[in-house]
Each structure stands twice: as C-alpha cells, then as structure tokens.
Amino acid sequence: VFDAFGMDLILIETVGVGQAELDVLRCADTIM
C-alpha cells in the first residue's frame, strides 16, 4: 500500500527479535 501510495522509502521495524523471528526476510529488500 505504501509503495503504491508513492513512498520512496519504506522502513519496517520489527518487534524485538528472538531465536525464530525472521519474518523480516519476507518483507524487506535489505536488513539492518
């Protein structure tokens, strides 16, 4: 939705990661 709305940059902040919280791989181009 943000992409189609015209945003240049989308920042996706996860909850505090534990040992299995890797869903961010499915959403991000690059991971910080």
Full PDB file with SEQRES, HELIX, SHEET, SSBOND, CRYST1, ORIGX, SCALE, CONECT and MASTER records, all heavy atoms in Angstrom:
SEQRES   1 A   32  VAL PHE ASP ALA PHE GLY MET ASP LEU ILE LEU ILE GLU          
SEQRES   2 A   32  THR VAL GLY VAL GLY GLN ALA GLU LEU ASP VAL LEU ARG          
SEQRES   3 A   32  CYS ALA ASP THR ILE MET                                      
HELIX    1 AA1 PHE A    2  PHE A    5  1                                   4    
HELIX    2 AA2 ASP A   23  ARG A   26  5                                   4    
CRYST1    1.000    1.000    1.000  90.00  90.00  90.00 P 1           1          
ORIGX1      1.000000  0.000000  0.000000        0.00000                         
ORIGX2      0.000000  1.000000  0.000000        0.00000                         
ORIGX3      0.000000  0.000000  1.000000        0.00000                         
SCALE1      1.000000  0.000000  0.000000        0.00000                         
SCALE2      0.000000  1.000000  0.000000        0.00000                         
SCALE3      0.000000  0.000000  1.000000        0.00000                         
ATOM      1  N   VAL A   1       0.840  -1.204   0.000  1.00  0.00           N  
ATOM      2  CA  VAL A   1       0.000   0.000   0.000  1.00  0.00           C  
ATOM      3  C   VAL A   1       0.873   1.252   0.000  1.00  0.00           C  
ATOM      4  O   VAL A   1       0.653   2.187  -0.783  1.00  0.00           O  
ATOM      5  CB  VAL A   1      -0.952   0.004   1.211  1.00  0.00           C  
ATOM      6  CG1 VAL A   1      -1.721   1.327   1.282  1.00  0.00           C  
ATOM      7  CG2 VAL A   1      -1.932  -1.158   1.138  1.00  0.00           C  
ATOM      8  N   PHE A   2       1.888   1.275   0.866  1.00  0.00           N  
ATOM      9  CA  PHE A   2       2.799   2.423   0.911  1.00  0.00           C  
ATOM     10  C   PHE A   2       3.499   2.615  -0.436  1.00  0.00           C  
ATOM     11  O   PHE A   2       3.694   3.747  -0.889  1.00  0.00           O  
ATOM     12  CB  PHE A   2       3.854   2.213   1.999  1.00  0.00           C  
ATOM     13  CG  PHE A   2       3.426   2.658   3.370  1.00  0.00           C  
ATOM     14  CD1 PHE A   2       3.933   2.038   4.511  1.00  0.00           C  
ATOM     15  CD2 PHE A   2       2.541   3.697   3.550  1.00  0.00           C  
ATOM     16  CE1 PHE A   2       3.567   2.446   5.778  1.00  0.00           C  
ATOM     17  CE2 PHE A   2       2.155   4.116   4.817  1.00  0.00           C  
ATOM     18  CZ  PHE A   2       2.667   3.493   5.931  1.00  0.00           C  
ATOM     19  N   ASP A   3       3.905   1.508  -1.052  1.00  0.00           N  
ATOM     20  CA  ASP A   3       4.602   1.577  -2.336  1.00  0.00           C  
ATOM     21  C   ASP A   3       3.704   2.229  -3.394  1.00  0.00           C  
ATOM     22  O   ASP A   3       4.116   3.164  -4.098  1.00  0.00           O  
ATOM     23  CB  ASP A   3       5.018   0.167  -2.767  1.00  0.00           C  
ATOM     24  CG  ASP A   3       6.045   0.169  -3.883  1.00  0.00           C  
ATOM     25  OD1 ASP A   3       6.119   1.157  -4.634  1.00  0.00           O  
ATOM     26  OD2 ASP A   3       6.785  -0.830  -4.013  1.00  0.00           O  
ATOM     27  N   ALA A   4       2.470   1.742  -3.492  1.00  0.00           N  
ATOM     28  CA  ALA A   4       1.550   2.281  -4.487  1.00  0.00           C  
ATOM     29  C   ALA A   4       1.132   3.712  -4.156  1.00  0.00           C  
ATOM     30  O   ALA A   4       0.736   4.467  -5.050  1.00  0.00           O  
ATOM     31  CB  ALA A   4       0.314   1.386  -4.598  1.00  0.00           C  
ATOM     32  N   PHE A   5       1.233   4.079  -2.884  1.00  0.00           N  
ATOM     33  CA  PHE A   5       0.886   5.438  -2.453  1.00  0.00           C  
ATOM     34  C   PHE A   5       1.967   6.436  -2.867  1.00  0.00           C  
ATOM     35  O   PHE A   5       1.750   7.638  -2.812  1.00  0.00           O  
ATOM     36  CB  PHE A   5       0.692   5.462  -0.939  1.00  0.00           C  
ATOM     37  CG  PHE A   5       0.040   6.705  -0.406  1.00  0.00           C  
ATOM     38  CD1 PHE A   5      -1.245   7.060  -0.812  1.00  0.00           C  
ATOM     39  CD2 PHE A   5       0.699   7.524   0.493  1.00  0.00           C  
ATOM     40  CE1 PHE A   5      -1.854   8.216  -0.315  1.00  0.00           C  
ATOM     41  CE2 PHE A   5       0.104   8.670   1.002  1.00  0.00           C  
ATOM     42  CZ  PHE A   5      -1.185   9.020   0.588  1.00  0.00           C  
ATOM     43  N   GLY A   6       3.136   5.917  -3.263  1.00  0.00           N  
ATOM     44  CA  GLY A   6       4.188   6.787  -3.769  1.00  0.00           C  
ATOM     45  C   GLY A   6       5.349   7.019  -2.838  1.00  0.00           C  
ATOM     46  O   GLY A   6       6.185   7.901  -3.085  1.00  0.00           O  
ATOM     47  N   MET A   7       5.457   6.231  -1.764  1.00  0.00           N  
ATOM     48  CA  MET A   7       6.578   6.391  -0.846  1.00  0.00           C  
ATOM     49  C   MET A   7       7.883   5.959  -1.516  1.00  0.00           C  
ATOM     50  O   MET A   7       7.929   4.965  -2.237  1.00  0.00           O  
ATOM     51  CB  MET A   7       6.348   5.574   0.430  1.00  0.00           C  
ATOM     52  CG  MET A   7       5.178   6.062   1.264  1.00  0.00           C  
ATOM     53  SD  MET A   7       5.449   7.776   1.791  1.00  0.00           S  
ATOM     54  CE  MET A   7       3.945   8.110   2.693  1.00  0.00           C  
ATOM     55  N   ASP A   8       8.953   6.710  -1.266  1.00  0.00           N  
ATOM     56  CA  ASP A   8      10.266   6.369  -1.819  1.00  0.00           C  
ATOM     57  C   ASP A   8      10.984   5.319  -0.978  1.00  0.00           C  
ATOM     58  O   ASP A   8      11.714   4.486  -1.499  1.00  0.00           O  
ATOM     59  CB  ASP A   8      11.149   7.621  -1.888  1.00  0.00           C  
ATOM     60  CG  ASP A   8      10.545   8.708  -2.766  1.00  0.00           C  
ATOM     61  OD1 ASP A   8      10.187   8.391  -3.919  1.00  0.00           O  
ATOM     62  OD2 ASP A   8      10.423   9.847  -2.300  1.00  0.00           O  
ATOM     63  N   LEU A   9      10.779   5.397   0.338  1.00  0.00           N  
ATOM     64  CA  LEU A   9      11.478   4.525   1.279  1.00  0.00           C  
ATOM     65  C   LEU A   9      10.470   3.982   2.281  1.00  0.00           C  
ATOM     66  O   LEU A   9       9.652   4.727   2.821  1.00  0.00           O  
ATOM     67  CB  LEU A   9      12.572   5.313   2.007  1.00  0.00           C  
ATOM     68  CG  LEU A   9      13.371   4.591   3.096  1.00  0.00           C  
ATOM     69  CD1 LEU A   9      14.221   3.476   2.494  1.00  0.00           C  
ATOM     70  CD2 LEU A   9      14.258   5.571   3.858  1.00  0.00           C  
ATOM     71  N   ILE A  10      10.530   2.667   2.522  1.00  0.00           N  
ATOM     72  CA  ILE A  10       9.651   2.036   3.495  1.00  0.00           C  
ATOM     73  C   ILE A  10      10.515   1.398   4.576  1.00  0.00           C  
ATOM     74  O   ILE A  10      11.338   0.533   4.284  1.00  0.00           O  
ATOM     75  CB  ILE A  10       8.750   0.970   2.837  1.00  0.00           C  
ATOM     76  CG1 ILE A  10       7.898   1.608   1.741  1.00  0.00           C  
ATOM     77  CG2 ILE A  10       7.858   0.282   3.879  1.00  0.00           C  
ATOM     78  CD1 ILE A  10       7.127   0.611   0.891  1.00  0.00           C  
ATOM     79  N   LEU A  11      10.361   1.863   5.805  1.00  0.00           N  
ATOM     80  CA  LEU A  11      11.125   1.349   6.938  1.00  0.00           C  
ATOM     81  C   LEU A  11      10.227   0.418   7.742  1.00  0.00           C  
ATOM     82  O   LEU A  11       9.139   0.817   8.180  1.00  0.00           O  
ATOM     83  CB  LEU A  11      11.617   2.498   7.819  1.00  0.00           C  
ATOM     84  CG  LEU A  11      12.486   3.552   7.126  1.00  0.00           C  
ATOM     85  CD1 LEU A  11      12.811   4.691   8.097  1.00  0.00           C  
ATOM     86  CD2 LEU A  11      13.770   2.935   6.573  1.00  0.00           C  
ATOM     87  N   ILE A  12      10.675  -0.817   7.928  1.00  0.00           N  
ATOM     88  CA  ILE A  12       9.874  -1.837   8.607  1.00  0.00           C  
ATOM     89  C   ILE A  12      10.582  -2.217   9.895  1.00  0.00           C  
ATOM     90  O   ILE A  12      11.616  -2.903   9.883  1.00  0.00           O  
ATOM     91  CB  ILE A  12       9.679  -3.082   7.713  1.00  0.00           C  
ATOM     92  CG1 ILE A  12       9.054  -2.676   6.373  1.00  0.00           C  
ATOM     93  CG2 ILE A  12       8.835  -4.127   8.424  1.00  0.00           C  
ATOM     94  CD1 ILE A  12       9.051  -3.788   5.332  1.00  0.00           C  
ATOM     95  N   GLU A  13      10.041  -1.760  11.008  1.00  0.00           N  
ATOM     96  CA  GLU A  13      10.646  -2.039  12.309  1.00  0.00           C  
ATOM     97  C   GLU A  13       9.973  -3.239  12.954  1.00  0.00           C  
ATOM     98  O   GLU A  13       8.765  -3.235  13.203  1.00  0.00           O  
ATOM     99  CB  GLU A  13      10.514  -0.823  13.228  1.00  0.00           C  
ATOM    100  CG  GLU A  13      11.137  -1.052  14.598  1.00  0.00           C  
ATOM    101  CD  GLU A  13      10.617  -0.096  15.650  1.00  0.00           C  
ATOM    102  OE1 GLU A  13      10.077   0.961  15.282  1.00  0.00           O  
ATOM    103  OE2 GLU A  13      10.740  -0.419  16.850  1.00  0.00           O  
ATOM    104  N   THR A  14      10.754  -4.280  13.230  1.00  0.00           N  
ATOM    105  CA  THR A  14      10.191  -5.488  13.824  1.00  0.00           C  
ATOM    106  C   THR A  14      10.072  -5.334  15.337  1.00  0.00           C  
ATOM    107  O   THR A  14      10.605  -4.401  15.937  1.00  0.00           O  
ATOM    108  CB  THR A  14      11.075  -6.717  13.540  1.00  0.00           C  
ATOM    109  OG1 THR A  14      12.242  -6.674  14.378  1.00  0.00           O  
ATOM    110  CG2 THR A  14      11.497  -6.774  12.087  1.00  0.00           C  
ATOM    111  N   VAL A  15       9.374  -6.288  15.954  1.00  0.00           N  
ATOM    112  CA  VAL A  15       9.429  -6.381  17.410  1.00  0.00           C  
ATOM    113  C   VAL A  15      10.816  -6.903  17.785  1.00  0.00           C  
ATOM    114  O   VAL A  15      11.605  -7.270  16.929  1.00  0.00           O  
ATOM    115  CB  VAL A  15       8.334  -7.331  17.959  1.00  0.00           C  
ATOM    116  CG1 VAL A  15       6.960  -6.882  17.524  1.00  0.00           C  
ATOM    117  CG2 VAL A  15       8.572  -8.760  17.507  1.00  0.00           C  
ATOM    118  N   GLY A  16      11.142  -6.948  19.067  1.00  0.00           N  
ATOM    119  CA  GLY A  16      12.449  -7.444  19.490  1.00  0.00           C  
ATOM    120  C   GLY A  16      12.661  -8.885  19.073  1.00  0.00           C  
ATOM    121  O   GLY A  16      11.859  -9.758  19.411  1.00  0.00           O  
ATOM    122  N   VAL A  17      13.716  -9.146  18.324  1.00  0.00           N  
ATOM    123  CA  VAL A  17      13.907 -10.475  17.754  1.00  0.00           C  
ATOM    124  C   VAL A  17      14.356 -11.475  18.803  1.00  0.00           C  
ATOM    125  O   VAL A  17      15.066 -11.155  19.744  1.00  0.00           O  
ATOM    126  CB  VAL A  17      14.944 -10.462  16.605  1.00  0.00           C  
ATOM    127  CG1 VAL A  17      14.421  -9.682  15.426  1.00  0.00           C  
ATOM    128  CG2 VAL A  17      16.274  -9.912  17.069  1.00  0.00           C  
ATOM    129  N   GLY A  18      13.931 -12.696  18.606  1.00  0.00           N  
ATOM    130  CA  GLY A  18      14.372 -13.813  19.442  1.00  0.00           C  
ATOM    131  C   GLY A  18      15.084 -14.823  18.579  1.00  0.00           C  
ATOM    132  O   GLY A  18      15.812 -14.458  17.660  1.00  0.00           O  
ATOM    133  N   GLN A  19      14.817 -16.101  18.788  1.00  0.00           N  
ATOM    134  CA  GLN A  19      15.558 -17.124  18.069  1.00  0.00           C  
ATOM    135  C   GLN A  19      14.877 -17.581  16.786  1.00  0.00           C  
ATOM    136  O   GLN A  19      15.422 -18.398  16.057  1.00  0.00           O  
ATOM    137  CB  GLN A  19      15.781 -18.327  18.985  1.00  0.00           C  
ATOM    138  CG  GLN A  19      16.742 -18.027  20.122  1.00  0.00           C  
ATOM    139  CD  GLN A  19      17.153 -19.276  20.854  1.00  0.00           C  
ATOM    140  OE1 GLN A  19      17.303 -20.339  20.261  1.00  0.00           O  
ATOM    141  NE2 GLN A  19      17.349 -19.161  22.149  1.00  0.00           N  
ATOM    142  N   ALA A  20      13.674 -17.120  16.510  1.00  0.00           N  
ATOM    143  CA  ALA A  20      12.997 -17.606  15.315  1.00  0.00           C  
ATOM    144  C   ALA A  20      12.271 -16.501  14.561  1.00  0.00           C  
ATOM    145  O   ALA A  20      11.477 -16.776  13.690  1.00  0.00           O  
ATOM    146  CB  ALA A  20      11.996 -18.705  15.699  1.00  0.00           C  
ATOM    147  N   GLU A  21      12.549 -15.251  14.897  1.00  0.00           N  
ATOM    148  CA  GLU A  21      11.780 -14.162  14.327  1.00  0.00           C  
ATOM    149  C   GLU A  21      12.459 -13.624  13.070  1.00  0.00           C  
ATOM    150  O   GLU A  21      13.145 -12.606  13.105  1.00  0.00           O  
ATOM    151  CB  GLU A  21      11.572 -13.079  15.375  1.00  0.00           C  
ATOM    152  CG  GLU A  21      10.686 -13.574  16.512  1.00  0.00           C  
ATOM    153  CD  GLU A  21      10.662 -12.645  17.705  1.00  0.00           C  
ATOM    154  OE1 GLU A  21      11.578 -11.817  17.817  1.00  0.00           O  
ATOM    155  OE2 GLU A  21       9.737 -12.765  18.509  1.00  0.00           O  
ATOM    156  N   LEU A  22      12.254 -14.315  11.963  1.00  0.00           N  
ATOM    157  CA  LEU A  22      12.925 -13.961  10.725  1.00  0.00           C  
ATOM    158  C   LEU A  22      11.929 -13.602   9.622  1.00  0.00           C  
ATOM    159  O   LEU A  22      12.256 -13.649   8.450  1.00  0.00           O  
ATOM    160  CB  LEU A  22      13.818 -15.130  10.267  1.00  0.00           C  
ATOM    161  CG  LEU A  22      14.975 -15.477  11.211  1.00  0.00           C  
ATOM    162  CD1 LEU A  22      15.700 -16.732  10.728  1.00  0.00           C  
ATOM    163  CD2 LEU A  22      15.955 -14.319  11.322  1.00  0.00           C  
ATOM    164  N   ASP A  23      10.708 -13.244  10.015  1.00  0.00           N  
ATOM    165  CA  ASP A  23       9.708 -12.868   9.021  1.00  0.00           C  
ATOM    166  C   ASP A  23      10.146 -11.668   8.192  1.00  0.00           C  
ATOM    167  O   ASP A  23       9.663 -11.484   7.069  1.00  0.00           O  
ATOM    168  CB  ASP A  23       8.382 -12.518   9.709  1.00  0.00           C  
ATOM    169  CG  ASP A  23       7.574 -13.753  10.062  1.00  0.00           C  
ATOM    170  OD1 ASP A  23       8.042 -14.868   9.766  1.00  0.00           O  
ATOM    171  OD2 ASP A  23       6.485 -13.600  10.644  1.00  0.00           O  
ATOM    172  N   VAL A  24      11.059 -10.869   8.740  1.00  0.00           N  
ATOM    173  CA  VAL A  24      11.502  -9.677   8.021  1.00  0.00           C  
ATOM    174  C   VAL A  24      12.132 -10.035   6.677  1.00  0.00           C  
ATOM    175  O   VAL A  24      12.119  -9.232   5.734  1.00  0.00           O  
ATOM    176  CB  VAL A  24      12.486  -8.860   8.897  1.00  0.00           C  
ATOM    177  CG1 VAL A  24      13.807  -9.589   9.066  1.00  0.00           C  
ATOM    178  CG2 VAL A  24      12.682  -7.454   8.340  1.00  0.00           C  
ATOM    179  N   LEU A  25      12.646 -11.256   6.551  1.00  0.00           N  
ATOM    180  CA  LEU A  25      13.201 -11.700   5.275  1.00  0.00           C  
ATOM    181  C   LEU A  25      12.154 -11.678   4.167  1.00  0.00           C  
ATOM    182  O   LEU A  25      12.476 -11.528   2.996  1.00  0.00           O  
ATOM    183  CB  LEU A  25      13.761 -13.122   5.407  1.00  0.00           C  
ATOM    184  CG  LEU A  25      15.076 -13.291   6.152  1.00  0.00           C  
ATOM    185  CD1 LEU A  25      15.354 -14.767   6.395  1.00  0.00           C  
ATOM    186  CD2 LEU A  25      16.216 -12.663   5.362  1.00  0.00           C  
ATOM    187  N   ARG A  26      10.891 -11.854   4.561  1.00  0.00           N  
ATOM    188  CA  ARG A  26       9.809 -11.948   3.588  1.00  0.00           C  
ATOM    189  C   ARG A  26       9.277 -10.585   3.186  1.00  0.00           C  
ATOM    190  O   ARG A  26       8.414 -10.495   2.313  1.00  0.00           O  
ATOM    191  CB  ARG A  26       8.684 -12.800   4.180  1.00  0.00           C  
ATOM    192  CG  ARG A  26       7.670 -13.326   3.189  1.00  0.00           C  
ATOM    193  CD  ARG A  26       6.910 -14.516   3.749  1.00  0.00           C  
ATOM    194  NE  ARG A  26       6.270 -14.222   5.009  1.00  0.00           N  
ATOM    195  CZ  ARG A  26       5.044 -13.714   5.134  1.00  0.00           C  
ATOM    196  NH1 ARG A  26       4.344 -13.420   4.061  1.00  0.00           N  
ATOM    197  NH2 ARG A  26       4.509 -13.507   6.324  1.00  0.00           N  
ATOM    198  N   CYS A  27       9.794  -9.529   3.814  1.00  0.00           N  
ATOM    199  CA  CYS A  27       9.224  -8.196   3.579  1.00  0.00           C  
ATOM    200  C   CYS A  27      10.223  -7.161   3.090  1.00  0.00           C  
ATOM    201  O   CYS A  27       9.810  -6.152   2.527  1.00  0.00           O  
ATOM    202  CB  CYS A  27       8.601  -7.672   4.879  1.00  0.00           C  
ATOM    203  SG  CYS A  27       7.283  -8.696   5.530  1.00  0.00           S  
ATOM    204  N   ALA A  28      11.509  -7.374   3.338  1.00  0.00           N  
ATOM    205  CA  ALA A  28      12.490  -6.305   3.128  1.00  0.00           C  
ATOM    206  C   ALA A  28      13.452  -6.612   1.988  1.00  0.00           C  
ATOM    207  O   ALA A  28      13.786  -7.766   1.726  1.00  0.00           O  
ATOM    208  CB  ALA A  28      13.270  -6.062   4.415  1.00  0.00           C  
ATOM    209  N   ASP A  29      13.890  -5.538   1.312  1.00  0.00           N  
ATOM    210  CA  ASP A  29      14.941  -5.664   0.305  1.00  0.00           C  
ATOM    211  C   ASP A  29      16.306  -5.787   0.962  1.00  0.00           C  
ATOM    212  O   ASP A  29      17.195  -6.458   0.452  1.00  0.00           O  
ATOM    213  CB  ASP A  29      14.945  -4.434  -0.610  1.00  0.00           C  
ATOM    214  CG  ASP A  29      13.650  -4.287  -1.386  1.00  0.00           C  
ATOM    215  OD1 ASP A  29      13.151  -5.299  -1.888  1.00  0.00           O  
ATOM    216  OD2 ASP A  29      13.139  -3.150  -1.478  1.00  0.00           O  
ATOM    217  N   THR A  30      16.483  -5.099   2.071  1.00  0.00           N  
ATOM    218  CA  THR A  30      17.754  -5.126   2.792  1.00  0.00           C  
ATOM    219  C   THR A  30      17.462  -5.046   4.283  1.00  0.00           C  
ATOM    220  O   THR A  30      16.458  -4.462   4.690  1.00  0.00           O  
ATOM    221  CB  THR A  30      18.659  -3.955   2.334  1.00  0.00           C  
ATOM    222  OG1 THR A  30      19.951  -4.099   2.912  1.00  0.00           O  
ATOM    223  CG2 THR A  30      18.082  -2.612   2.697  1.00  0.00           C  
ATOM    224  N   ILE A  31      18.325  -5.661   5.086  1.00  0.00           N  
ATOM    225  CA  ILE A  31      18.058  -5.787   6.518  1.00  0.00           C  
ATOM    226  C   ILE A  31      19.169  -5.146   7.318  1.00  0.00           C  
ATOM    227  O   ILE A  31      20.357  -5.414   7.108  1.00  0.00           O  
ATOM    228  CB  ILE A  31      17.911  -7.270   6.918  1.00  0.00           C  
ATOM    229  CG1 ILE A  31      16.700  -7.880   6.196  1.00  0.00           C  
ATOM    230  CG2 ILE A  31      17.745  -7.413   8.429  1.00  0.00           C  
ATOM    231  CD1 ILE A  31      16.556  -9.363   6.388  1.00  0.00           C  
ATOM    232  N   MET A  32      18.763  -4.286   8.265  1.00  0.00           N  
ATOM    233  CA  MET A  32      19.685  -3.628   9.172  1.00  0.00           C  
ATOM    234  C   MET A  32      19.504  -4.246  10.557  1.00  0.00           C  
ATOM    235  O   MET A  32      18.410  -4.221  11.123  1.00  0.00           O  
ATOM    236  CB  MET A  32      19.379  -2.128   9.208  1.00  0.00           C  
ATOM    237  CG  MET A  32      20.247  -1.324  10.148  1.00  0.00           C  
ATOM    238  SD  MET A  32      19.718   0.429  10.184  1.00  0.00           S  
ATOM    239  CE  MET A  32      19.947   0.907   8.470  1.00  0.00           C  
TER     240      MET A  32                                                      
MASTER        0    0    0    2    0    0    0    6  239    1    0    3          
END                                                                             
